[in-house]
PDB file of N, CA and C in Angstrom:
ATOM      1  N   UNK A   1      23.382  20.532  27.628  1.00  0.00           N
ATOM      2  CA  UNK A   1      23.572  19.519  26.603  1.00  0.00           C
ATOM      3  C   UNK A   1      22.272  19.228  25.855  1.00  0.00           C
ATOM      4  N   UNK A   2      21.152  19.121  26.602  1.00  0.00           N
ATOM      5  CA  UNK A   2      19.882  18.854  25.950  1.00  0.00           C
ATOM      6  C   UNK A   2      19.474  20.005  25.025  1.00  0.00           C
ATOM      7  N   UNK A   3      19.756  21.216  25.450  1.00  0.00           N
ATOM      8  CA  UNK A   3      19.388  22.364  24.617  1.00  0.00           C
ATOM      9  C   UNK A   3      20.215  22.409  23.340  1.00  0.00           C
ATOM     10  N   UNK A   4      21.491  22.052  23.446  1.00  0.00           N
ATOM     11  CA  UNK A   4      22.336  22.008  22.244  1.00  0.00           C
ATOM     12  C   UNK A   4      21.806  20.971  21.266  1.00  0.00           C
ATOM     13  N   UNK A   5      21.441  19.796  21.791  1.00  0.00           N
ATOM     14  CA  UNK A   5      20.886  18.759  20.923  1.00  0.00           C
ATOM     15  C   UNK A   5      19.579  19.214  20.296  1.00  0.00           C
ATOM     16  N   UNK A   6      18.776  19.908  21.072  1.00  0.00           N
ATOM     17  CA  UNK A   6      17.485  20.353  20.576  1.00  0.00           C
ATOM     18  C   UNK A   6      17.631  21.370  19.446  1.00  0.00           C
ATOM     19  N   UNK A   7      18.614  22.273  19.536  1.00  0.00           N
ATOM     20  CA  UNK A   7      18.758  23.327  18.536  1.00  0.00           C
ATOM     21  C   UNK A   7      19.672  22.965  17.378  1.00  0.00           C
ATOM     22  N   UNK A   8      20.667  22.096  17.604  1.00  0.00           N
ATOM     23  CA  UNK A   8      21.649  21.825  16.547  1.00  0.00           C
ATOM     24  C   UNK A   8      21.887  20.351  16.274  1.00  0.00           C
ATOM     25  N   UNK A   9      21.186  19.458  16.956  1.00  0.00           N
ATOM     26  CA  UNK A   9      21.498  18.041  16.915  1.00  0.00           C
ATOM     27  C   UNK A   9      21.346  17.397  15.551  1.00  0.00           C
ATOM     28  N   UNK A  10      22.152  16.364  15.319  1.00  0.00           N
ATOM     29  CA  UNK A  10      22.103  15.580  14.087  1.00  0.00           C
ATOM     30  C   UNK A  10      21.910  14.108  14.456  1.00  0.00           C
ATOM     31  N   UNK A  11      21.386  13.342  13.521  1.00  0.00           N
ATOM     32  CA  UNK A  11      21.232  11.901  13.693  1.00  0.00           C
ATOM     33  C   UNK A  11      22.370  11.208  12.968  1.00  0.00           C
ATOM     34  N   UNK A  12      23.106  10.363  13.678  1.00  0.00           N
ATOM     35  CA  UNK A  12      24.197   9.590  13.071  1.00  0.00           C
ATOM     36  C   UNK A  12      23.662   8.216  12.694  1.00  0.00           C
ATOM     37  N   UNK A  13      23.908   7.799  11.455  1.00  0.00           N
ATOM     38  CA  UNK A  13      23.505   6.480  10.976  1.00  0.00           C
ATOM     39  C   UNK A  13      24.777   5.748  10.572  1.00  0.00           C
ATOM     40  N   UNK A  14      25.039   4.631  11.241  1.00  0.00           N
ATOM     41  CA  UNK A  14      26.223   3.835  10.918  1.00  0.00           C
ATOM     42  C   UNK A  14      25.901   2.913   9.756  1.00  0.00           C
ATOM     43  N   UNK A  15      26.643   3.052   8.671  1.00  0.00           N
ATOM     44  CA  UNK A  15      26.452   2.238   7.476  1.00  0.00           C
ATOM     45  C   UNK A  15      27.748   1.486   7.193  1.00  0.00           C
ATOM     46  N   UNK A  16      27.699   0.491   6.299  1.00  0.00           N
ATOM     47  CA  UNK A  16      28.942  -0.198   5.928  1.00  0.00           C
ATOM     48  C   UNK A  16      29.995   0.738   5.332  1.00  0.00           C
ATOM     49  N   UNK A  17      29.576   1.866   4.792  1.00  0.00           N
ATOM     50  CA  UNK A  17      30.511   2.832   4.198  1.00  0.00           C
ATOM     51  C   UNK A  17      31.012   3.854   5.209  1.00  0.00           C
ATOM     52  N   UNK A  18      30.591   3.729   6.464  1.00  0.00           N
ATOM     53  CA  UNK A  18      30.995   4.675   7.488  1.00  0.00           C
ATOM     54  C   UNK A  18      29.798   5.465   7.989  1.00  0.00           C
ATOM     55  N   UNK A  19      30.015   6.321   8.972  1.00  0.00           N
ATOM     56  CA  UNK A  19      28.883   7.080   9.521  1.00  0.00           C
ATOM     57  C   UNK A  19      28.368   8.133   8.547  1.00  0.00           C
ATOM     58  N   UNK A  20      27.048   8.249   8.499  1.00  0.00           N
ATOM     59  CA  UNK A  20      26.379   9.274   7.709  1.00  0.00           C
ATOM     60  C   UNK A  20      25.498  10.065   8.664  1.00  0.00           C
ATOM     61  N   UNK A  21      25.182  11.303   8.312  1.00  0.00           N
ATOM     62  CA  UNK A  21      24.462  12.190   9.212  1.00  0.00           C
ATOM     63  C   UNK A  21      23.238  12.785   8.532  1.00  0.00           C
ATOM     64  N   UNK A  22      22.197  13.005   9.331  1.00  0.00           N
ATOM     65  CA  UNK A  22      20.990  13.679   8.892  1.00  0.00           C
ATOM     66  C   UNK A  22      20.774  14.905   9.767  1.00  0.00           C
ATOM     67  N   UNK A  23      20.375  16.002   9.148  1.00  0.00           N
ATOM     68  CA  UNK A  23      20.059  17.223   9.892  1.00  0.00           C
ATOM     69  C   UNK A  23      18.544  17.363   9.957  1.00  0.00           C
ATOM     70  N   UNK A  24      17.934  16.953  11.068  1.00  0.00           N
ATOM     71  CA  UNK A  24      16.476  17.030  11.173  1.00  0.00           C
ATOM     72  C   UNK A  24      15.992  18.442  11.489  1.00  0.00           C
ATOM     73  N   UNK A  25      14.710  18.657  11.247  1.00  0.00           N
ATOM     74  CA  UNK A  25      14.075  19.919  11.625  1.00  0.00           C
ATOM     75  C   UNK A  25      13.854  19.914  13.135  1.00  0.00           C
ATOM     76  N   UNK A  26      13.381  21.016  13.689  1.00  0.00           N
ATOM     77  CA  UNK A  26      13.173  21.110  15.124  1.00  0.00           C
ATOM     78  C   UNK A  26      12.179  20.057  15.621  1.00  0.00           C
ATOM     79  N   UNK A  27      11.058  19.906  14.933  1.00  0.00           N
ATOM     80  CA  UNK A  27      10.070  18.909  15.364  1.00  0.00           C
ATOM     81  C   UNK A  27      10.629  17.489  15.229  1.00  0.00           C
ATOM     82  N   UNK A  28      11.422  17.228  14.190  1.00  0.00           N
ATOM     83  CA  UNK A  28      12.045  15.912  14.039  1.00  0.00           C
ATOM     84  C   UNK A  28      13.073  15.668  15.144  1.00  0.00           C
ATOM     85  N   UNK A  29      13.807  16.711  15.539  1.00  0.00           N
ATOM     86  CA  UNK A  29      14.781  16.568  16.628  1.00  0.00           C
ATOM     87  C   UNK A  29      14.098  16.230  17.946  1.00  0.00           C
ATOM     88  N   UNK A  30      12.943  16.843  18.186  1.00  0.00           N
ATOM     89  CA  UNK A  30      12.194  16.547  19.413  1.00  0.00           C
ATOM     90  C   UNK A  30      11.794  15.075  19.432  1.00  0.00           C
ATOM     91  N   UNK A  31      11.292  14.578  18.308  1.00  0.00           N
ATOM     92  CA  UNK A  31      10.886  13.167  18.245  1.00  0.00           C
ATOM     93  C   UNK A  31      12.101  12.240  18.353  1.00  0.00           C
ATOM     94  N   UNK A  32      13.213  12.602  17.738  1.00  0.00           N
ATOM     95  CA  UNK A  32      14.419  11.778  17.839  1.00  0.00           C
ATOM     96  C   UNK A  32      14.964  11.762  19.262  1.00  0.00           C
ATOM     97  N   UNK A  33      14.867  12.875  19.968  1.00  0.00           N
ATOM     98  CA  UNK A  33      15.272  12.885  21.377  1.00  0.00           C
ATOM     99  C   UNK A  33      14.418  11.919  22.183  1.00  0.00           C
ATOM    100  N   UNK A  34      13.148  11.818  21.829  1.00  0.00           N
ATOM    101  CA  UNK A  34      12.264  10.876  22.511  1.00  0.00           C
ATOM    102  C   UNK A  34      12.665   9.434  22.184  1.00  0.00           C
ATOM    103  N   UNK A  35      12.967   9.154  20.927  1.00  0.00           N
ATOM    104  CA  UNK A  35      13.367   7.796  20.532  1.00  0.00           C
ATOM    105  C   UNK A  35      14.652   7.387  21.252  1.00  0.00           C
ATOM    106  N   UNK A  36      15.620   8.296  21.328  1.00  0.00           N
ATOM    107  CA  UNK A  36      16.923   7.984  21.923  1.00  0.00           C
ATOM    108  C   UNK A  36      17.017   8.447  23.379  1.00  0.00           C
ATOM    109  N   UNK A  37      15.897   8.536  24.077  1.00  0.00           N
ATOM    110  CA  UNK A  37      15.897   9.068  25.442  1.00  0.00           C
ATOM    111  C   UNK A  37      16.654   8.181  26.428  1.00  0.00           C
ATOM    112  N   UNK A  38      16.661   6.860  26.220  1.00  0.00           N
ATOM    113  CA  UNK A  38      17.314   5.956  27.173  1.00  0.00           C
ATOM    114  C   UNK A  38      18.640   5.397  26.680  1.00  0.00           C
ATOM    115  N   UNK A  39      18.842   5.391  25.380  1.00  0.00           N
ATOM    116  CA  UNK A  39      20.058   4.815  24.806  1.00  0.00           C
ATOM    117  C   UNK A  39      20.620   5.765  23.762  1.00  0.00           C
ATOM    118  N   UNK A  40      21.925   5.891  23.731  1.00  0.00           N
ATOM    119  CA  UNK A  40      22.576   6.755  22.746  1.00  0.00           C
ATOM    120  C   UNK A  40      22.665   6.062  21.387  1.00  0.00           C
ATOM    121  N   UNK A  41      22.737   4.720  21.379  1.00  0.00           N
ATOM    122  CA  UNK A  41      22.847   3.947  20.148  1.00  0.00           C
ATOM    123  C   UNK A  41      21.756   2.887  20.138  1.00  0.00           C
ATOM    124  N   UNK A  42      21.063   2.770  19.005  1.00  0.00           N
ATOM    125  CA  UNK A  42      20.009   1.774  18.864  1.00  0.00           C
ATOM    126  C   UNK A  42      20.182   1.005  17.561  1.00  0.00           C
ATOM    127  N   UNK A  43      19.967  -0.314  17.586  1.00  0.00           N
ATOM    128  CA  UNK A  43      19.932  -1.058  16.327  1.00  0.00           C
ATOM    129  C   UNK A  43      18.594  -0.851  15.635  1.00  0.00           C
ATOM    130  N   UNK A  44      18.569  -1.022  14.341  1.00  0.00           N
ATOM    131  CA  UNK A  44      17.356  -0.810  13.550  1.00  0.00           C
ATOM    132  C   UNK A  44      16.246  -1.752  14.004  1.00  0.00           C
ATOM    133  N   UNK A  45      16.598  -2.937  14.455  1.00  0.00           N
ATOM    134  CA  UNK A  45      15.608  -3.954  14.818  1.00  0.00           C
ATOM    135  C   UNK A  45      14.690  -3.533  15.960  1.00  0.00           C
ATOM    136  N   UNK A  46      15.112  -2.637  16.818  1.00  0.00           N
ATOM    137  CA  UNK A  46      14.279  -2.272  17.968  1.00  0.00           C
ATOM    138  C   UNK A  46      13.302  -1.143  17.658  1.00  0.00           C
ATOM    139  N   UNK A  47      13.403  -0.535  16.499  1.00  0.00           N
ATOM    140  CA  UNK A  47      12.497   0.556  16.142  1.00  0.00           C
ATOM    141  C   UNK A  47      11.149   0.011  15.689  1.00  0.00           C
ATOM    142  N   UNK A  48      10.104   0.767  15.974  1.00  0.00           N
ATOM    143  CA  UNK A  48       8.769   0.389  15.516  1.00  0.00           C
ATOM    144  C   UNK A  48       8.659   0.679  14.019  1.00  0.00           C
ATOM    145  N   UNK A  49       7.664   0.095  13.348  1.00  0.00           N
ATOM    146  CA  UNK A  49       7.491   0.407  11.923  1.00  0.00           C
ATOM    147  C   UNK A  49       7.279   1.893  11.661  1.00  0.00           C
ATOM    148  N   UNK A  50       6.568   2.581  12.559  1.00  0.00           N
ATOM    149  CA  UNK A  50       6.369   4.025  12.390  1.00  0.00           C
ATOM    150  C   UNK A  50       7.696   4.770  12.482  1.00  0.00           C
ATOM    151  N   UNK A  51       8.533   4.399  13.443  1.00  0.00           N
ATOM    152  CA  UNK A  51       9.831   5.056  13.609  1.00  0.00           C
ATOM    153  C   UNK A  51      10.726   4.789  12.407  1.00  0.00           C
ATOM    154  N   UNK A  52      10.681   3.576  11.869  1.00  0.00           N
ATOM    155  CA  UNK A  52      11.468   3.266  10.667  1.00  0.00           C
ATOM    156  C   UNK A  52      11.019   4.118   9.485  1.00  0.00           C
ATOM    157  N   UNK A  53       9.706   4.230   9.280  1.00  0.00           N
ATOM    158  CA  UNK A  53       9.195   5.067   8.183  1.00  0.00           C
ATOM    159  C   UNK A  53       9.582   6.524   8.387  1.00  0.00           C
ATOM    160  N   UNK A  54       9.528   6.982   9.638  1.00  0.00           N
ATOM    161  CA  UNK A  54       9.899   8.365   9.964  1.00  0.00           C
ATOM    162  C   UNK A  54      11.344   8.642   9.545  1.00  0.00           C
ATOM    163  N   UNK A  55      12.255   7.757   9.892  1.00  0.00           N
ATOM    164  CA  UNK A  55      13.672   7.951   9.559  1.00  0.00           C
ATOM    165  C   UNK A  55      13.904   7.777   8.062  1.00  0.00           C
ATOM    166  N   UNK A  56      13.200   6.835   7.427  1.00  0.00           N
ATOM    167  CA  UNK A  56      13.340   6.659   5.981  1.00  0.00           C
ATOM    168  C   UNK A  56      12.871   7.899   5.225  1.00  0.00           C
ATOM    169  N   UNK A  57      11.728   8.473   5.639  1.00  0.00           N
ATOM    170  CA  UNK A  57      11.235   9.692   4.988  1.00  0.00           C
ATOM    171  C   UNK A  57      12.201  10.847   5.188  1.00  0.00           C
ATOM    172  N   UNK A  58      12.762  10.925   6.387  1.00  0.00           N
ATOM    173  CA  UNK A  58      13.711  11.986   6.676  1.00  0.00           C
ATOM    174  C   UNK A  58      14.955  11.846   5.786  1.00  0.00           C
ATOM    175  N   UNK A  59      15.433  10.632   5.608  1.00  0.00           N
ATOM    176  CA  UNK A  59      16.632  10.426   4.786  1.00  0.00           C
ATOM    177  C   UNK A  59      16.331  10.622   3.301  1.00  0.00           C
ATOM    178  N   UNK A  60      15.122  10.295   2.861  1.00  0.00           N
ATOM    179  CA  UNK A  60      14.760  10.512   1.462  1.00  0.00           C
ATOM    180  C   UNK A  60      14.687  11.996   1.127  1.00  0.00           C
ATOM    181  N   UNK A  61      14.118  12.779   2.036  1.00  0.00           N
ATOM    182  CA  UNK A  61      13.962  14.212   1.783  1.00  0.00           C
ATOM    183  C   UNK A  61      15.293  14.962   1.861  1.00  0.00           C
ATOM    184  N   UNK A  62      16.124  14.597   2.832  1.00  0.00           N
ATOM    185  CA  UNK A  62      17.345  15.358   3.075  1.00  0.00           C
ATOM    186  C   UNK A  62      18.580  14.710   2.485  1.00  0.00           C
ATOM    187  N   UNK A  63      18.608  13.405   2.424  1.00  0.00           N
ATOM    188  CA  UNK A  63      19.805  12.711   1.979  1.00  0.00           C
ATOM    189  C   UNK A  63      20.845  12.683   3.085  1.00  0.00           C
ATOM    190  N   UNK A  64      21.730  11.721   3.004  1.00  0.00           N
ATOM    191  CA  UNK A  64      22.789  11.583   3.999  1.00  0.00           C
ATOM    192  C   UNK A  64      23.961  12.480   3.648  1.00  0.00           C
ATOM    193  N   UNK A  65      24.691  12.889   4.660  1.00  0.00           N
ATOM    194  CA  UNK A  65      25.900  13.689   4.459  1.00  0.00           C
ATOM    195  C   UNK A  65      27.046  13.033   5.215  1.00  0.00           C
ATOM    196  N   UNK A  66      28.238  13.107   4.651  1.00  0.00           N
ATOM    197  CA  UNK A  66      29.420  12.598   5.324  1.00  0.00           C
ATOM    198  C   UNK A  66      29.935  13.636   6.298  1.00  0.00           C
ATOM    199  N   UNK A  67      30.471  13.158   7.403  1.00  0.00           N
ATOM    200  CA  UNK A  67      30.948  14.086   8.430  1.00  0.00           C
ATOM    201  C   UNK A  67      32.143  14.903   7.959  1.00  0.00           C
ATOM    202  N   UNK A  68      33.023  14.304   7.180  1.00  0.00           N
ATOM    203  CA  UNK A  68      34.223  15.017   6.760  1.00  0.00           C
ATOM    204  C   UNK A  68      33.909  16.164   5.802  1.00  0.00           C
ATOM    205  N   UNK A  69      32.814  16.045   5.054  1.00  0.00           N
ATOM    206  CA  UNK A  69      32.471  17.080   4.086  1.00  0.00           C
ATOM    207  C   UNK A  69      31.745  18.256   4.723  1.00  0.00           C
ATOM    208  N   UNK A  70      30.973  18.005   5.771  1.00  0.00           N
ATOM    209  CA  UNK A  70      30.114  19.052   6.318  1.00  0.00           C
ATOM    210  C   UNK A  70      30.435  19.424   7.757  1.00  0.00           C
ATOM    211  N   UNK A  71      31.439  18.850   8.358  1.00  0.00           N
ATOM    212  CA  UNK A  71      31.837  19.209   9.712  1.00  0.00           C
ATOM    213  C   UNK A  71      30.869  18.793  10.797  1.00  0.00           C
ATOM    214  N   UNK A  72      30.255  17.620  10.664  1.00  0.00           N
ATOM    215  CA  UNK A  72      29.288  17.170  11.651  1.00  0.00           C
ATOM    216  C   UNK A  72      29.939  16.662  12.933  1.00  0.00           C
ATOM    217  N   UNK A  73      31.253  16.468  12.956  1.00  0.00           N
ATOM    218  CA  UNK A  73      31.907  15.975  14.164  1.00  0.00           C
ATOM    219  C   UNK A  73      31.721  16.926  15.339  1.00  0.00           C
ATOM    220  N   UNK A  74      31.610  18.209  15.061  1.00  0.00           N
ATOM    221  CA  UNK A  74      31.480  19.211  16.117  1.00  0.00           C
ATOM    222  C   UNK A  74      30.042  19.385  16.610  1.00  0.00           C
ATOM    223  N   UNK A  75      29.082  18.860  15.879  1.00  0.00           N
ATOM    224  CA  UNK A  75      27.683  19.044  16.239  1.00  0.00           C
ATOM    225  C   UNK A  75      27.244  17.983  17.243  1.00  0.00           C
ATOM    226  N   UNK A  76      26.307  18.328  18.139  1.00  0.00           N
ATOM    227  CA  UNK A  76      25.815  17.335  19.098  1.00  0.00           C
ATOM    228  C   UNK A  76      25.000  16.253  18.380  1.00  0.00           C
ATOM    229  N   UNK A  77      25.184  15.012  18.791  1.00  0.00           N
ATOM    230  CA  UNK A  77      24.516  13.872  18.170  1.00  0.00           C
ATOM    231  C   UNK A  77      23.281  13.513  18.997  1.00  0.00           C
ATOM    232  N   UNK A  78      22.131  13.511  18.355  1.00  0.00           N
ATOM    233  CA  UNK A  78      20.880  13.137  19.025  1.00  0.00           C
ATOM    234  C   UNK A  78      20.884  11.655  19.381  1.00  0.00           C
ATOM    235  N   UNK A  79      21.414  10.855  18.492  1.00  0.00           N
ATOM    236  CA  UNK A  79      21.477   9.421  18.692  1.00  0.00           C
ATOM    237  C   UNK A  79      22.164   8.777  17.509  1.00  0.00           C
ATOM    238  N   UNK A  80      22.534   7.529  17.682  1.00  0.00           N
ATOM    239  CA  UNK A  80      23.209   6.777  16.628  1.00  0.00           C
ATOM    240  C   UNK A  80      22.362   5.571  16.284  1.00  0.00           C
ATOM    241  N   UNK A  81      22.076   5.402  15.006  1.00  0.00           N
ATOM    242  CA  UNK A  81      21.291   4.283  14.519  1.00  0.00           C
ATOM    243  C   UNK A  81      22.232   3.315  13.823  1.00  0.00           C
ATOM    244  N   UNK A  82      22.255   2.075  14.311  1.00  0.00           N
ATOM    245  CA  UNK A  82      23.121   1.054  13.710  1.00  0.00           C
ATOM    246  C   UNK A  82      22.363   0.371  12.585  1.00  0.00           C
ATOM    247  N   UNK A  83      22.935   0.370  11.413  1.00  0.00           N
ATOM    248  CA  UNK A  83      22.348  -0.347  10.289  1.00  0.00           C
ATOM    249  C   UNK A  83      23.262  -1.498   9.933  1.00  0.00           C
ATOM    250  N   UNK A  84      22.904  -2.666  10.402  1.00  0.00           N
ATOM    251  CA  UNK A  84      23.689  -3.863  10.101  1.00  0.00           C
ATOM    252  C   UNK A  84      22.935  -4.683   9.071  1.00  0.00           C
ATOM    253  N   UNK A  85      23.675  -5.422   8.224  1.00  0.00           N
ATOM    254  CA  UNK A  85      22.979  -6.262   7.254  1.00  0.00           C
ATOM    255  C   UNK A  85      22.186  -7.341   7.978  1.00  0.00           C
ATOM    256  N   UNK A  86      20.987  -7.615   7.475  1.00  0.00           N
ATOM    257  CA  UNK A  86      20.148  -8.625   8.105  1.00  0.00           C
ATOM    258  C   UNK A  86      20.732 -10.011   7.865  1.00  0.00           C
ATOM    259  N   UNK A  87      20.484 -10.957   8.757  1.00  0.00           N
ATOM    260  CA  UNK A  87      21.010 -12.318   8.569  1.00  0.00           C
ATOM    261  C   UNK A  87      20.482 -12.962   7.303  1.00  0.00           C
ATOM    262  N   UNK A  88      19.272 -12.602   6.874  1.00  0.00           N
ATOM    263  CA  UNK A  88      18.714 -13.177   5.653  1.00  0.00           C
ATOM    264  C   UNK A  88      19.523 -12.777   4.431  1.00  0.00           C
ATOM    265  N   UNK A  89      19.998 -11.539   4.375  1.00  0.00           N
ATOM    266  CA  UNK A  89      20.741 -11.077   3.205  1.00  0.00           C
ATOM    267  C   UNK A  89      22.117 -11.725   3.136  1.00  0.00           C
ATOM    268  N   UNK A  90      22.743 -12.016   4.274  1.00  0.00           N
ATOM    269  CA  UNK A  90      24.052 -12.658   4.234  1.00  0.00           C
ATOM    270  C   UNK A  90      23.935 -14.123   3.878  1.00  0.00           C
ATOM    271  N   UNK A  91      22.876 -14.796   4.346  1.00  0.00           N
ATOM    272  CA  UNK A  91      22.740 -16.214   4.014  1.00  0.00           C
ATOM    273  C   UNK A  91      22.333 -16.398   2.564  1.00  0.00           C
ATOM    274  N   UNK A  92      21.609 -15.437   2.007  1.00  0.00           N
ATOM    275  CA  UNK A  92      21.201 -15.532   0.605  1.00  0.00           C
ATOM    276  C   UNK A  92      22.400 -15.335  -0.316  1.00  0.00           C
ATOM    277  N   UNK A  93      23.359 -14.538   0.093  1.00  0.00           N
ATOM    278  CA  UNK A  93      24.496 -14.275  -0.779  1.00  0.00           C
ATOM    279  C   UNK A  93      25.503 -15.417  -0.773  1.00  0.00           C
ATOM    280  N   UNK A  94      25.584 -16.170   0.316  1.00  0.00           N
ATOM    281  CA  UNK A  94      26.516 -17.290   0.375  1.00  0.00           C
ATOM    282  C   UNK A  94      25.806 -18.521   0.933  1.00  0.00           C
ATOM    283  N   UNK A  95      25.108 -19.266   0.057  1.00  0.00           N
ATOM    284  CA  UNK A  95      24.378 -20.435   0.539  1.00  0.00           C
ATOM    285  C   UNK A  95      25.335 -21.499   1.063  1.00  0.00           C
ATOM    286  N   UNK A  96      24.921 -22.167   2.119  1.00  0.00           N
ATOM    287  CA  UNK A  96      25.747 -23.214   2.717  1.00  0.00           C
ATOM    288  C   UNK A  96      25.327 -24.569   2.185  1.00  0.00           C
ATOM    289  N   UNK A  97      26.318 -25.399   1.967  1.00  0.00           N
ATOM    290  CA  UNK A  97      26.038 -26.774   1.586  1.00  0.00           C
ATOM    291  C   UNK A  97      25.939 -27.609   2.853  1.00  0.00           C
ATOM    292  N   UNK A  98      25.007 -28.558   2.907  1.00  0.00           N
ATOM    293  CA  UNK A  98      24.904 -29.386   4.101  1.00  0.00           C
ATOM    294  C   UNK A  98      26.116 -30.300   4.235  1.00  0.00           C
ATOM    295  N   UNK A  99      26.505 -30.535   5.451  1.00  0.00           N
ATOM    296  CA  UNK A  99      27.611 -31.417   5.741  1.00  0.00           C
ATOM    297  C   UNK A  99      27.165 -32.857   5.476  1.00  0.00           C
ATOM    298  N   UNK A 100      27.967 -33.626   4.750  1.00  0.00           N
ATOM    299  CA  UNK A 100      27.591 -34.986   4.369  1.00  0.00           C
ATOM    300  C   UNK A 100      27.398 -35.880   5.588  1.00  0.00           C
ATOM    301  N   UNK A 101      28.242 -35.750   6.609  1.00  0.00           N
ATOM    302  CA  UNK A 101      28.104 -36.605   7.788  1.00  0.00           C
ATOM    303  C   UNK A 101      26.826 -36.296   8.551  1.00  0.00           C
ATOM    304  N   UNK A 102      26.442 -35.031   8.587  1.00  0.00           N
ATOM    305  CA  UNK A 102      25.196 -34.663   9.259  1.00  0.00           C
ATOM    306  C   UNK A 102      24.016 -35.223   8.486  1.00  0.00           C
ATOM    307  N   UNK A 103      24.048 -35.130   7.156  1.00  0.00           N
ATOM    308  CA  UNK A 103      22.964 -35.640   6.329  1.00  0.00           C
ATOM    309  C   UNK A 103      22.822 -37.149   6.514  1.00  0.00           C
ATOM    310  N   UNK A 104      23.943 -37.860   6.550  1.00  0.00           N
ATOM    311  CA  UNK A 104      23.900 -39.311   6.751  1.00  0.00           C
ATOM    312  C   UNK A 104      23.335 -39.668   8.120  1.00  0.00           C
ATOM    313  N   UNK A 105      23.735 -38.941   9.155  1.00  0.00           N
ATOM    314  CA  UNK A 105      23.259 -39.225  10.507  1.00  0.00           C
ATOM    315  C   UNK A 105      21.760 -38.974  10.624  1.00  0.00           C
ATOM    316  N   UNK A 106      21.297 -37.902  10.010  1.00  0.00           N
ATOM    317  CA  UNK A 106      19.868 -37.588  10.067  1.00  0.00           C
ATOM    318  C   UNK A 106      19.070 -38.626   9.310  1.00  0.00           C
ATOM    319  N   UNK A 107      19.533 -39.030   8.125  1.00  0.00           N
ATOM    320  CA  UNK A 107      18.788 -39.999   7.335  1.00  0.00           C
ATOM    321  C   UNK A 107      18.756 -41.362   8.035  1.00  0.00           C
ATOM    322  N   UNK A 108      19.870 -41.764   8.674  1.00  0.00           N
ATOM    323  CA  UNK A 108      19.854 -43.047   9.401  1.00  0.00           C
ATOM    324  C   UNK A 108      18.949 -42.961  10.616  1.00  0.00           C
ATOM    325  N   UNK A 109      18.886 -41.828  11.280  1.00  0.00           N
ATOM    326  CA  UNK A 109      17.997 -41.638  12.418  1.00  0.00           C
ATOM    327  C   UNK A 109      16.538 -41.730  11.957  1.00  0.00           C
ATOM    328  N   UNK A 110      16.241 -41.124  10.805  1.00  0.00           N
ATOM    329  CA  UNK A 110      14.874 -41.165  10.281  1.00  0.00           C
ATOM    330  C   UNK A 110      14.462 -42.573   9.924  1.00  0.00           C
ATOM    331  N   UNK A 111      15.380 -43.389   9.390  1.00  0.00           N
ATOM    332  CA  UNK A 111      15.090 -44.778   9.048  1.00  0.00           C
ATOM    333  C   UNK A 111      14.793 -45.562  10.318  1.00  0.00           C
ATOM    334  N   UNK A 112      15.583 -45.329  11.403  1.00  0.00           N
ATOM    335  CA  UNK A 112      15.372 -46.029  12.664  1.00  0.00           C
ATOM    336  C   UNK A 112      14.022 -45.689  13.256  1.00  0.00           C
ATOM    337  N   UNK A 113      13.564 -44.467  13.105  1.00  0.00           N
ATOM    338  CA  UNK A 113      12.287 -44.041  13.678  1.00  0.00           C
ATOM    339  C   UNK A 113      11.096 -44.649  12.932  1.00  0.00           C
ATOM    340  N   UNK A 114      11.257 -44.946  11.642  1.00  0.00           N
ATOM    341  CA  UNK A 114      10.165 -45.520  10.858  1.00  0.00           C
ATOM    342  C   UNK A 114       9.930 -46.975  11.246  1.00  0.00           C
ATOM    343  N   UNK A 115      10.969 -47.682  11.636  1.00  0.00           N
ATOM    344  CA  UNK A 115      10.800 -49.115  11.922  1.00  0.00           C
ATOM    345  C   UNK A 115      10.311 -49.397  13.306  1.00  0.00           C
TER     346      UNK A 115
END
């Protein structure tokens, strides 16, 4: 299994549009095997800045491919990278209004503390 991954392995990246795949070079596959040595799936948050740049450069040079178009389902997967939207981007798109009762309770508490 390790030899198959080493010679033919692909990196699966889970995106909101579905899984996308990257075909790394041999040296990139060796490094990806090291990154995914303990876990088959990793969230983006646990990668170091160097590892993030490494994967970004790899995706810029090669581009992502869909599995249905290129037959990646049959190829061994080196690892799966989860790309979830960051909490900052979701809160920025839908700002929350403060609850009036909470605002009143906080303001009355602040008045009590001043006296």
